Amino acid sequence: MKKILLIDDDNDNLHIITEVLTMKGFAVVAINQSISVEAVIELKPDLVIVDHYLTGQNGGDFCLKIKQNKQSEYLPVILISTGLNLKEISEAGLADAFLAKPFNIDDLENIAERFAL
C-alpha cells in the first residue's frame, strides 16, 4: 500500500482528502501543522501533498527544502492552495504538480495515482 503524507492546517481539508485517498486504497498520514524535512524522511512517504498556506511555514518553500535535500529530493510533492499564482509558486518550489482549491475529487484521485504509484 502506497503512503501519502498530507500536510494541511485546515482540519476539514485533512478529513476530506484523507477520506477520498483512503477509499482509493492509499495509506494517508495526515498532519495539521508544519513539520521538518527530517520528519518527512523518517515517515518514508511515496507522495507528499502540502498546502501552500500553512501556519508557521510556506508550503512552496517547504517543497523546495524537500527537493534540495539529497535524502528526499526523489519524493514527488504536490502543492495545493487557494492562492493566486499557484503555477509559478509550484515551479519555484520545484513541486511535481499542483492542485488549485477547490479541486475536483477526480483530479485529486488522478494526481495521487499518477505520482504515488
Protein backbone atom coordinates (compact mmCIF):
# COMPACT_ATOMS: atom_id res chain seq x y z
CA MET A 1 0.00 0.00 0.00
CA LYS A 2 1.39 3.37 -1.02
CA LYS A 3 1.73 6.02 1.68
CA ILE A 4 0.75 9.64 1.16
CA LEU A 5 1.84 12.35 3.58
CA LEU A 6 -0.80 15.08 3.68
CA ILE A 7 0.09 18.39 5.35
CA ASP A 8 -2.67 20.99 5.74
CA ASP A 9 -3.56 23.08 8.78
CA ASP A 10 -7.25 23.05 7.88
CA ASN A 11 -8.76 20.04 9.64
CA ASP A 12 -11.78 19.93 7.31
CA ASN A 13 -9.49 19.66 4.29
CA LEU A 14 -7.42 17.00 6.05
CA HIS A 15 -10.51 14.95 6.79
CA ILE A 16 -11.99 15.16 3.28
CA ILE A 17 -8.73 14.48 1.44
CA THR A 18 -7.84 11.64 3.81
CA GLU A 19 -11.25 10.02 3.26
CA VAL A 20 -11.02 10.27 -0.52
CA LEU A 21 -7.48 8.89 -0.71
CA THR A 22 -8.12 6.14 1.83
CA MET A 23 -11.11 4.97 -0.22
CA LYS A 24 -8.77 4.77 -3.23
CA GLY A 25 -6.51 2.40 -1.29
CA PHE A 26 -3.78 4.73 -0.05
CA ALA A 27 -2.41 4.85 3.48
CA VAL A 28 -2.64 8.51 4.49
CA VAL A 29 -0.61 10.19 7.21
CA ALA A 30 -2.42 13.48 7.85
CA ILE A 31 -0.61 16.26 9.72
CA ASN A 32 -2.25 19.58 10.58
CA GLN A 33 0.91 21.55 11.34
CA SER A 34 4.31 22.35 9.90
CA ILE A 35 6.91 19.60 10.10
CA SER A 36 10.59 19.31 9.30
CA VAL A 37 12.10 17.74 6.21
CA GLU A 38 13.77 15.25 8.55
CA ALA A 39 10.33 14.17 9.80
CA VAL A 40 9.21 13.69 6.20
CA ILE A 41 12.24 11.50 5.52
CA GLU A 42 11.51 9.41 8.63
CA LEU A 43 7.90 8.84 7.54
CA LYS A 44 9.06 7.49 4.15
CA PRO A 45 6.01 8.56 2.12
CA ASP A 46 5.57 7.73 -1.54
CA LEU A 47 3.98 11.14 -2.15
CA VAL A 48 3.73 14.42 -0.24
CA ILE A 49 0.71 16.69 -0.64
CA VAL A 50 1.22 20.03 1.08
CA ASP A 51 -0.90 23.15 1.38
CA HIS A 52 0.85 26.38 0.41
CA TYR A 53 -0.63 28.38 3.28
CA LEU A 54 0.48 26.66 6.48
CA THR A 55 0.67 28.28 9.88
CA GLY A 56 4.34 28.98 10.51
CA GLN A 57 5.51 27.69 7.14
CA ASN A 58 5.11 28.43 3.46
CA GLY A 59 4.28 25.25 1.54
CA GLY A 60 6.17 26.36 -1.55
CA ASP A 61 9.31 26.98 0.49
CA PHE A 62 8.83 23.65 2.26
CA CYS A 63 8.54 21.88 -1.08
CA LEU A 64 11.84 23.47 -2.15
CA LYS A 65 13.52 22.26 1.05
CA ILE A 66 12.35 18.72 0.31
CA LYS A 67 13.65 18.91 -3.25
CA GLN A 68 17.01 20.39 -2.19
CA ASN A 69 17.68 17.66 0.38
CA LYS A 70 19.61 14.69 -1.05
CA GLN A 71 17.61 12.26 1.14
CA SER A 72 14.21 13.49 -0.06
CA GLU A 73 14.76 15.05 -3.49
CA TYR A 74 13.22 11.99 -5.18
CA LEU A 75 9.87 12.41 -3.40
CA PRO A 76 7.03 13.67 -5.57
CA VAL A 77 5.41 16.73 -4.00
CA ILE A 78 2.02 18.17 -4.91
CA LEU A 79 1.27 21.72 -3.79
CA ILE A 80 -2.37 22.62 -3.07
CA SER A 81 -3.74 26.09 -2.42
CA THR A 82 -6.47 28.65 -2.91
CA GLY A 83 -3.85 31.30 -3.64
CA LEU A 84 -3.14 33.10 -6.85
CA ASN A 85 -0.11 32.29 -8.99
CA LEU A 86 -0.08 28.68 -7.82
CA LYS A 87 1.61 27.54 -11.02
CA GLU A 88 4.51 29.96 -10.50
CA ILE A 89 4.76 29.13 -6.79
CA SER A 90 4.84 25.42 -7.63
CA GLU A 91 7.55 25.91 -10.23
CA ALA A 92 9.67 27.99 -7.83
CA GLY A 93 9.30 25.29 -5.16
CA LEU A 94 10.13 22.53 -7.68
CA ALA A 95 6.79 20.85 -6.99
CA ASP A 96 5.94 17.97 -9.29
CA ALA A 97 2.38 19.24 -9.72
CA PHE A 98 -0.25 21.47 -8.14
CA LEU A 99 -3.97 21.47 -7.46
CA ALA A 100 -5.93 24.68 -7.02
CA LYS A 101 -8.55 24.60 -4.25
CA PRO A 102 -11.37 23.94 -4.52
CA PHE A 103 -10.47 20.97 -6.66
CA ASN A 104 -12.46 18.18 -8.22
CA ILE A 105 -12.29 14.85 -6.35
CA ASP A 106 -11.43 13.07 -9.61
CA ASP A 107 -8.48 15.41 -10.13
CA LEU A 108 -7.21 14.63 -6.61
CA GLU A 109 -7.53 10.89 -7.16
CA ASN A 110 -5.86 11.07 -10.58
CA ILE A 111 -2.90 13.08 -9.37
CA ALA A 112 -2.39 10.81 -6.37
CA GLU A 113 -2.48 7.72 -8.58
CA ARG A 114 -0.14 9.33 -11.08
CA PHE A 115 2.56 10.24 -8.58
CA ALA A 116 2.21 7.64 -5.82
CA LEU A 117 2.13 4.50 -7.96
